[in-house]
Amino acid sequence: DLGPDDIYAEVNLKGRMEGENLLHVSVSVPPNVELLDFSPKEILVNLESVIEEQIPVSIDINGTPQNGFAVAKPVAKPGEVLVKGSRSALDSVRSVVAQVDVEDKNSDIVTALPLRAINFKGDPVKGVTFRPETVEIIVPILPVKDVPVTPNMNGVPAEGYIIRNIRTEPSELRITAERDVLQDLQVLNTSQIDISGITRTLTREVPINLPRGVKAFEEE
């Protein structure tokens, strides 16, 4: 009995270019079978180049650390990966993402994670590969505290003038340090501001004095 597996159809892609190609179909049948006709005799084949592109790795942070901790800027090693796929697939890639769960964490995370390519709708892009397939992700999780900032005033206004209001921007600063240091720190002072003899509203940009071992926390 003659079945579908006994009939073989093929097209020759050798030398064809990227884009639409109208190709002749060749059909082979068993020696004891006479081929009278077949259809279609030509097919339209759309060919795409397989390309590679170096794309930065984005880190997607999920969850919230323990109370009193915050996520600092994460790092991917390597920071870029080689993405391979069809031209249309790579054209649709918005970002290459590694996802990290920080829920209820209170210490740095160091882990190797797989990657996903995401399109502009936020959906996964299929048919692409990565080199390397995984990257090392480092997520610093630091103890933090929001501490009020107090201006360090020196001197008095001119006679007949009083200070009615003092405002600082920011009114508080998020800092990081060892936990015992943070527990003892209740206020941050600015550098000294001389108000001697002033007769009008004064605006000054001054540094905040941070104790040794204390740093301003840089948000992720």
C-alpha atoms as a PDB file:
ATOM      1  CA  ASP A   1       0.000   0.000   0.000  1.00  0.00           C
ATOM      2  CA  LEU A   2       1.163   3.472  -0.869  1.00  0.00           C
ATOM      3  CA  GLY A   3       1.154   5.888   2.052  1.00  0.00           C
ATOM      4  CA  PRO A   4       2.141   9.518   2.706  1.00  0.00           C
ATOM      5  CA  ASP A   5       5.537   8.410   3.979  1.00  0.00           C
ATOM      6  CA  ASP A   6       6.321   6.902   0.569  1.00  0.00           C
ATOM      7  CA  ILE A   7       6.052  10.238  -1.247  1.00  0.00           C
ATOM      8  CA  TYR A   8       8.818  12.769  -0.733  1.00  0.00           C
ATOM      9  CA  ALA A   9       8.593  16.442  -1.752  1.00  0.00           C
ATOM     10  CA  GLU A  10      11.455  18.907  -1.443  1.00  0.00           C
ATOM     11  CA  VAL A  11      12.636  22.343  -2.475  1.00  0.00           C
ATOM     12  CA  ASN A  12      16.223  23.478  -2.905  1.00  0.00           C
ATOM     13  CA  LEU A  13      17.136  26.425  -0.692  1.00  0.00           C
ATOM     14  CA  LYS A  14      20.745  26.619  -1.816  1.00  0.00           C
ATOM     15  CA  GLY A  15      21.750  30.134  -2.806  1.00  0.00           C
ATOM     16  CA  ARG A  16      18.417  31.649  -1.851  1.00  0.00           C
ATOM     17  CA  MET A  17      18.329  35.108  -0.311  1.00  0.00           C
ATOM     18  CA  GLU A  18      16.550  36.563   2.687  1.00  0.00           C
ATOM     19  CA  GLY A  19      12.938  37.444   1.889  1.00  0.00           C
ATOM     20  CA  GLU A  20      10.306  35.791  -0.298  1.00  0.00           C
ATOM     21  CA  ASN A  21      11.469  33.073  -2.691  1.00  0.00           C
ATOM     22  CA  LEU A  22       9.278  31.237  -5.208  1.00  0.00           C
ATOM     23  CA  LEU A  23      10.707  27.704  -5.295  1.00  0.00           C
ATOM     24  CA  HIS A  24      10.104  24.717  -7.573  1.00  0.00           C
ATOM     25  CA  VAL A  25       8.864  21.598  -5.795  1.00  0.00           C
ATOM     26  CA  SER A  26      10.462  18.227  -6.654  1.00  0.00           C
ATOM     27  CA  VAL A  27       8.539  15.068  -5.838  1.00  0.00           C
ATOM     28  CA  SER A  28       9.986  11.537  -5.504  1.00  0.00           C
ATOM     29  CA  VAL A  29       7.899   8.352  -5.456  1.00  0.00           C
ATOM     30  CA  PRO A  30       8.805   4.656  -5.084  1.00  0.00           C
ATOM     31  CA  PRO A  31      10.269   2.917  -8.189  1.00  0.00           C
ATOM     32  CA  ASN A  32       7.091   0.917  -8.827  1.00  0.00           C
ATOM     33  CA  VAL A  33       4.890   4.035  -8.811  1.00  0.00           C
ATOM     34  CA  GLU A  34       4.290   6.350 -11.787  1.00  0.00           C
ATOM     35  CA  LEU A  35       3.898  10.043 -10.912  1.00  0.00           C
ATOM     36  CA  LEU A  36       1.191  11.534 -13.128  1.00  0.00           C
ATOM     37  CA  ASP A  37       0.768  14.965 -11.583  1.00  0.00           C
ATOM     38  CA  PHE A  38       1.135  16.858  -8.309  1.00  0.00           C
ATOM     39  CA  SER A  39       0.230  20.203  -6.840  1.00  0.00           C
ATOM     40  CA  PRO A  40       1.494  22.711  -5.953  1.00  0.00           C
ATOM     41  CA  LYS A  41       4.454  22.793  -8.302  1.00  0.00           C
ATOM     42  CA  GLU A  42       5.848  25.941  -6.716  1.00  0.00           C
ATOM     43  CA  ILE A  43       5.687  27.314  -3.178  1.00  0.00           C
ATOM     44  CA  LEU A  44       6.491  30.717  -1.730  1.00  0.00           C
ATOM     45  CA  VAL A  45       9.069  30.468   1.041  1.00  0.00           C
ATOM     46  CA  ASN A  46       9.944  33.413   3.258  1.00  0.00           C
ATOM     47  CA  LEU A  47      13.527  33.163   4.516  1.00  0.00           C
ATOM     48  CA  GLU A  48      14.971  35.088   7.442  1.00  0.00           C
ATOM     49  CA  SER A  49      18.573  35.541   8.441  1.00  0.00           C
ATOM     50  CA  VAL A  50      19.692  34.141  11.775  1.00  0.00           C
ATOM     51  CA  ILE A  51      21.561  36.958  13.504  1.00  0.00           C
ATOM     52  CA  GLU A  52      23.310  37.609  16.812  1.00  0.00           C
ATOM     53  CA  GLU A  53      23.164  40.727  18.937  1.00  0.00           C
ATOM     54  CA  GLN A  54      24.815  41.773  22.183  1.00  0.00           C
ATOM     55  CA  ILE A  55      22.063  42.915  24.588  1.00  0.00           C
ATOM     56  CA  PRO A  56      22.403  44.266  28.163  1.00  0.00           C
ATOM     57  CA  VAL A  57      20.905  42.205  30.988  1.00  0.00           C
ATOM     58  CA  SER A  58      18.110  43.854  32.975  1.00  0.00           C
ATOM     59  CA  ILE A  59      17.328  42.694  36.502  1.00  0.00           C
ATOM     60  CA  ASP A  60      13.686  42.491  37.550  1.00  0.00           C
ATOM     61  CA  ILE A  61      13.302  42.709  41.327  1.00  0.00           C
ATOM     62  CA  ASN A  62      10.218  41.008  42.750  1.00  0.00           C
ATOM     63  CA  GLY A  63       8.990  41.304  46.323  1.00  0.00           C
ATOM     64  CA  THR A  64       9.946  43.430  49.324  1.00  0.00           C
ATOM     65  CA  PRO A  65      12.828  42.819  51.762  1.00  0.00           C
ATOM     66  CA  GLN A  66      12.338  42.605  55.510  1.00  0.00           C
ATOM     67  CA  ASN A  67      11.305  45.780  57.279  1.00  0.00           C
ATOM     68  CA  GLY A  68      14.378  47.949  57.835  1.00  0.00           C
ATOM     69  CA  PHE A  69      16.149  46.672  54.709  1.00  0.00           C
ATOM     70  CA  ALA A  70      16.230  47.897  51.119  1.00  0.00           C
ATOM     71  CA  VAL A  71      17.544  46.759  47.754  1.00  0.00           C
ATOM     72  CA  ALA A  72      20.590  48.599  46.430  1.00  0.00           C
ATOM     73  CA  LYS A  73      21.637  48.587  42.787  1.00  0.00           C
ATOM     74  CA  PRO A  74      21.884  44.976  41.536  1.00  0.00           C
ATOM     75  CA  VAL A  75      24.655  43.767  39.245  1.00  0.00           C
ATOM     76  CA  ALA A  76      24.666  41.126  36.493  1.00  0.00           C
ATOM     77  CA  LYS A  77      27.861  39.290  35.545  1.00  0.00           C
ATOM     78  CA  PRO A  78      28.299  39.443  32.619  1.00  0.00           C
ATOM     79  CA  GLY A  79      26.337  42.630  32.040  1.00  0.00           C
ATOM     80  CA  GLU A  80      25.587  41.694  28.425  1.00  0.00           C
ATOM     81  CA  VAL A  81      24.781  38.425  26.661  1.00  0.00           C
ATOM     82  CA  LEU A  82      24.832  37.325  23.032  1.00  0.00           C
ATOM     83  CA  VAL A  83      21.280  36.718  21.820  1.00  0.00           C
ATOM     84  CA  LYS A  84      20.783  34.577  18.698  1.00  0.00           C
ATOM     85  CA  GLY A  85      17.641  34.117  16.623  1.00  0.00           C
ATOM     86  CA  SER A  86      15.790  35.160  13.503  1.00  0.00           C
ATOM     87  CA  ARG A  87      15.933  38.797  12.496  1.00  0.00           C
ATOM     88  CA  SER A  88      12.239  39.333  13.281  1.00  0.00           C
ATOM     89  CA  ALA A  89      12.602  37.711  16.699  1.00  0.00           C
ATOM     90  CA  LEU A  90      15.549  39.895  17.667  1.00  0.00           C
ATOM     91  CA  ASP A  91      13.836  43.000  16.306  1.00  0.00           C
ATOM     92  CA  SER A  92      10.972  42.326  18.744  1.00  0.00           C
ATOM     93  CA  VAL A  93      13.226  42.031  21.829  1.00  0.00           C
ATOM     94  CA  ARG A  94      12.820  44.973  24.193  1.00  0.00           C
ATOM     95  CA  SER A  95      14.991  43.584  26.987  1.00  0.00           C
ATOM     96  CA  VAL A  96      16.744  40.492  28.300  1.00  0.00           C
ATOM     97  CA  VAL A  97      15.664  39.921  31.883  1.00  0.00           C
ATOM     98  CA  ALA A  98      16.713  37.922  34.934  1.00  0.00           C
ATOM     99  CA  GLN A  99      14.108  37.825  37.703  1.00  0.00           C
ATOM    100  CA  VAL A 100      15.119  37.893  41.377  1.00  0.00           C
ATOM    101  CA  ASP A 101      12.824  37.339  44.362  1.00  0.00           C
ATOM    102  CA  VAL A 102      13.791  39.474  47.388  1.00  0.00           C
ATOM    103  CA  GLU A 103      10.664  38.866  49.440  1.00  0.00           C
ATOM    104  CA  ASP A 104      11.456  39.021  53.186  1.00  0.00           C
ATOM    105  CA  LYS A 105      15.236  38.897  52.561  1.00  0.00           C
ATOM    106  CA  ASN A 106      17.705  40.612  54.897  1.00  0.00           C
ATOM    107  CA  SER A 107      21.073  39.826  53.297  1.00  0.00           C
ATOM    108  CA  ASP A 108      22.782  40.013  49.918  1.00  0.00           C
ATOM    109  CA  ILE A 109      21.610  37.610  47.206  1.00  0.00           C
ATOM    110  CA  VAL A 110      24.197  35.991  44.934  1.00  0.00           C
ATOM    111  CA  THR A 111      22.754  33.492  42.490  1.00  0.00           C
ATOM    112  CA  ALA A 112      22.951  32.188  38.914  1.00  0.00           C
ATOM    113  CA  LEU A 113      19.728  32.727  36.983  1.00  0.00           C
ATOM    114  CA  PRO A 114      18.335  31.908  33.534  1.00  0.00           C
ATOM    115  CA  LEU A 115      17.338  34.670  31.134  1.00  0.00           C
ATOM    116  CA  ARG A 116      14.179  35.623  29.285  1.00  0.00           C
ATOM    117  CA  ALA A 117      13.781  37.849  26.244  1.00  0.00           C
ATOM    118  CA  ILE A 118      10.778  40.200  26.563  1.00  0.00           C
ATOM    119  CA  ASN A 119       9.011  42.038  23.737  1.00  0.00           C
ATOM    120  CA  PHE A 120       7.466  45.508  23.857  1.00  0.00           C
ATOM    121  CA  LYS A 121       4.173  44.086  25.151  1.00  0.00           C
ATOM    122  CA  GLY A 122       5.926  42.376  28.049  1.00  0.00           C
ATOM    123  CA  ASP A 123       5.488  38.898  26.567  1.00  0.00           C
ATOM    124  CA  PRO A 124       8.313  36.327  26.197  1.00  0.00           C
ATOM    125  CA  VAL A 125      10.058  36.167  22.826  1.00  0.00           C
ATOM    126  CA  LYS A 126      10.348  32.580  21.605  1.00  0.00           C
ATOM    127  CA  GLY A 127      12.969  31.092  19.334  1.00  0.00           C
ATOM    128  CA  VAL A 128      16.022  32.889  20.737  1.00  0.00           C
ATOM    129  CA  THR A 129      19.037  31.521  22.581  1.00  0.00           C
ATOM    130  CA  PHE A 130      21.529  33.152  24.936  1.00  0.00           C
ATOM    131  CA  ARG A 131      25.268  32.825  25.388  1.00  0.00           C
ATOM    132  CA  PRO A 132      25.863  32.347  28.239  1.00  0.00           C
ATOM    133  CA  GLU A 133      22.532  30.763  29.159  1.00  0.00           C
ATOM    134  CA  THR A 134      22.720  31.937  32.784  1.00  0.00           C
ATOM    135  CA  VAL A 135      24.264  34.960  34.486  1.00  0.00           C
ATOM    136  CA  GLU A 136      25.416  35.628  38.035  1.00  0.00           C
ATOM    137  CA  ILE A 137      23.151  38.128  39.764  1.00  0.00           C
ATOM    138  CA  ILE A 138      24.287  40.074  42.827  1.00  0.00           C
ATOM    139  CA  VAL A 139      21.586  41.947  44.747  1.00  0.00           C
ATOM    140  CA  PRO A 140      22.830  43.972  47.739  1.00  0.00           C
ATOM    141  CA  ILE A 141      20.225  44.105  50.513  1.00  0.00           C
ATOM    142  CA  LEU A 142      21.262  46.652  53.109  1.00  0.00           C
ATOM    143  CA  PRO A 143      19.952  47.814  56.493  1.00  0.00           C
ATOM    144  CA  VAL A 144      18.463  51.298  56.103  1.00  0.00           C
ATOM    145  CA  LYS A 145      16.839  54.008  58.164  1.00  0.00           C
ATOM    146  CA  ASP A 146      15.096  57.277  57.327  1.00  0.00           C
ATOM    147  CA  VAL A 147      16.599  59.914  59.613  1.00  0.00           C
ATOM    148  CA  PRO A 148      15.411  63.544  60.009  1.00  0.00           C
ATOM    149  CA  VAL A 149      17.769  66.279  58.807  1.00  0.00           C
ATOM    150  CA  THR A 150      18.279  69.240  61.152  1.00  0.00           C
ATOM    151  CA  PRO A 151      19.922  72.482  59.978  1.00  0.00           C
ATOM    152  CA  ASN A 152      22.894  73.559  62.118  1.00  0.00           C
ATOM    153  CA  MET A 153      22.240  77.283  62.623  1.00  0.00           C
ATOM    154  CA  ASN A 154      24.900  79.660  63.910  1.00  0.00           C
ATOM    155  CA  GLY A 155      24.347  83.273  64.941  1.00  0.00           C
ATOM    156  CA  VAL A 156      21.209  85.429  65.195  1.00  0.00           C
ATOM    157  CA  PRO A 157      19.318  87.581  62.682  1.00  0.00           C
ATOM    158  CA  ALA A 158      19.617  91.357  62.628  1.00  0.00           C
ATOM    159  CA  GLU A 159      17.914  93.287  65.410  1.00  0.00           C
ATOM    160  CA  GLY A 160      14.177  93.410  64.880  1.00  0.00           C
ATOM    161  CA  TYR A 161      14.075  90.129  62.933  1.00  0.00           C
ATOM    162  CA  ILE A 162      13.180  86.643  64.066  1.00  0.00           C
ATOM    163  CA  ILE A 163      13.234  83.215  62.456  1.00  0.00           C
ATOM    164  CA  ARG A 164       9.640  82.182  61.820  1.00  0.00           C
ATOM    165  CA  ASN A 165      10.209  78.964  59.911  1.00  0.00           C
ATOM    166  CA  ILE A 166      13.026  76.648  58.924  1.00  0.00           C
ATOM    167  CA  ARG A 167      12.566  74.110  56.149  1.00  0.00           C
ATOM    168  CA  THR A 168      15.003  71.508  54.887  1.00  0.00           C
ATOM    169  CA  GLU A 169      14.854  69.624  51.618  1.00  0.00           C
ATOM    170  CA  PRO A 170      15.022  66.725  51.985  1.00  0.00           C
ATOM    171  CA  SER A 171      13.491  66.744  55.443  1.00  0.00           C
ATOM    172  CA  GLU A 172      14.932  63.291  56.031  1.00  0.00           C
ATOM    173  CA  LEU A 173      17.603  61.141  54.456  1.00  0.00           C
ATOM    174  CA  ARG A 174      17.657  57.391  53.946  1.00  0.00           C
ATOM    175  CA  ILE A 175      20.984  56.078  55.176  1.00  0.00           C
ATOM    176  CA  THR A 176      22.704  52.727  55.491  1.00  0.00           C
ATOM    177  CA  ALA A 177      25.191  51.498  58.076  1.00  0.00           C
ATOM    178  CA  GLU A 178      25.663  48.665  60.547  1.00  0.00           C
ATOM    179  CA  ARG A 179      22.387  47.967  62.333  1.00  0.00           C
ATOM    180  CA  ASP A 180      23.646  48.987  65.771  1.00  0.00           C
ATOM    181  CA  VAL A 181      24.822  52.315  64.327  1.00  0.00           C
ATOM    182  CA  LEU A 182      21.428  52.925  62.740  1.00  0.00           C
ATOM    183  CA  GLN A 183      19.626  52.166  65.993  1.00  0.00           C
ATOM    184  CA  ASP A 184      21.569  54.857  67.851  1.00  0.00           C
ATOM    185  CA  LEU A 185      21.299  57.512  65.127  1.00  0.00           C
ATOM    186  CA  GLN A 186      18.238  59.724  65.602  1.00  0.00           C
ATOM    187  CA  VAL A 187      19.086  62.902  63.698  1.00  0.00           C
ATOM    188  CA  LEU A 188      21.471  64.165  61.016  1.00  0.00           C
ATOM    189  CA  ASN A 189      22.918  67.669  61.177  1.00  0.00           C
ATOM    190  CA  THR A 190      23.914  69.819  58.255  1.00  0.00           C
ATOM    191  CA  SER A 191      27.130  71.757  58.068  1.00  0.00           C
ATOM    192  CA  GLN A 192      27.008  75.062  59.891  1.00  0.00           C
ATOM    193  CA  ILE A 193      24.774  77.789  58.429  1.00  0.00           C
ATOM    194  CA  ASP A 194      25.641  81.337  59.444  1.00  0.00           C
ATOM    195  CA  ILE A 195      22.536  83.489  59.909  1.00  0.00           C
ATOM    196  CA  SER A 196      24.256  86.366  61.668  1.00  0.00           C
ATOM    197  CA  GLY A 197      22.613  89.684  60.816  1.00  0.00           C
ATOM    198  CA  ILE A 198      20.307  88.409  58.092  1.00  0.00           C
ATOM    199  CA  THR A 199      17.276  90.511  57.184  1.00  0.00           C
ATOM    200  CA  ARG A 200      15.578  88.363  54.546  1.00  0.00           C
ATOM    201  CA  THR A 201      14.709  84.804  53.668  1.00  0.00           C
ATOM    202  CA  LEU A 202      17.862  82.749  53.285  1.00  0.00           C
ATOM    203  CA  THR A 203      18.349  79.721  51.070  1.00  0.00           C
ATOM    204  CA  ARG A 204      21.524  77.704  51.319  1.00  0.00           C
ATOM    205  CA  GLU A 205      22.716  74.411  49.884  1.00  0.00           C
ATOM    206  CA  VAL A 206      24.873  72.731  52.486  1.00  0.00           C
ATOM    207  CA  PRO A 207      26.276  69.236  53.020  1.00  0.00           C
ATOM    208  CA  ILE A 208      24.749  66.819  55.495  1.00  0.00           C
ATOM    209  CA  ASN A 209      27.270  65.643  58.038  1.00  0.00           C
ATOM    210  CA  LEU A 210      27.308  61.847  58.031  1.00  0.00           C
ATOM    211  CA  PRO A 211      29.002  60.012  60.908  1.00  0.00           C
ATOM    212  CA  ARG A 212      31.809  57.613  60.124  1.00  0.00           C
ATOM    213  CA  GLY A 213      30.513  54.369  58.667  1.00  0.00           C
ATOM    214  CA  VAL A 214      27.232  55.954  57.557  1.00  0.00           C
ATOM    215  CA  LYS A 215      26.359  56.453  53.882  1.00  0.00           C
ATOM    216  CA  ALA A 216      23.419  57.910  52.027  1.00  0.00           C
ATOM    217  CA  PHE A 217      21.477  55.027  50.558  1.00  0.00           C
ATOM    218  CA  GLU A 218      21.262  55.013  46.775  1.00  0.00           C
ATOM    219  CA  GLU A 219      17.943  53.593  45.632  1.00  0.00           C
ATOM    220  CA  GLU A 220      17.967  50.715  43.130  1.00  0.00           C
END
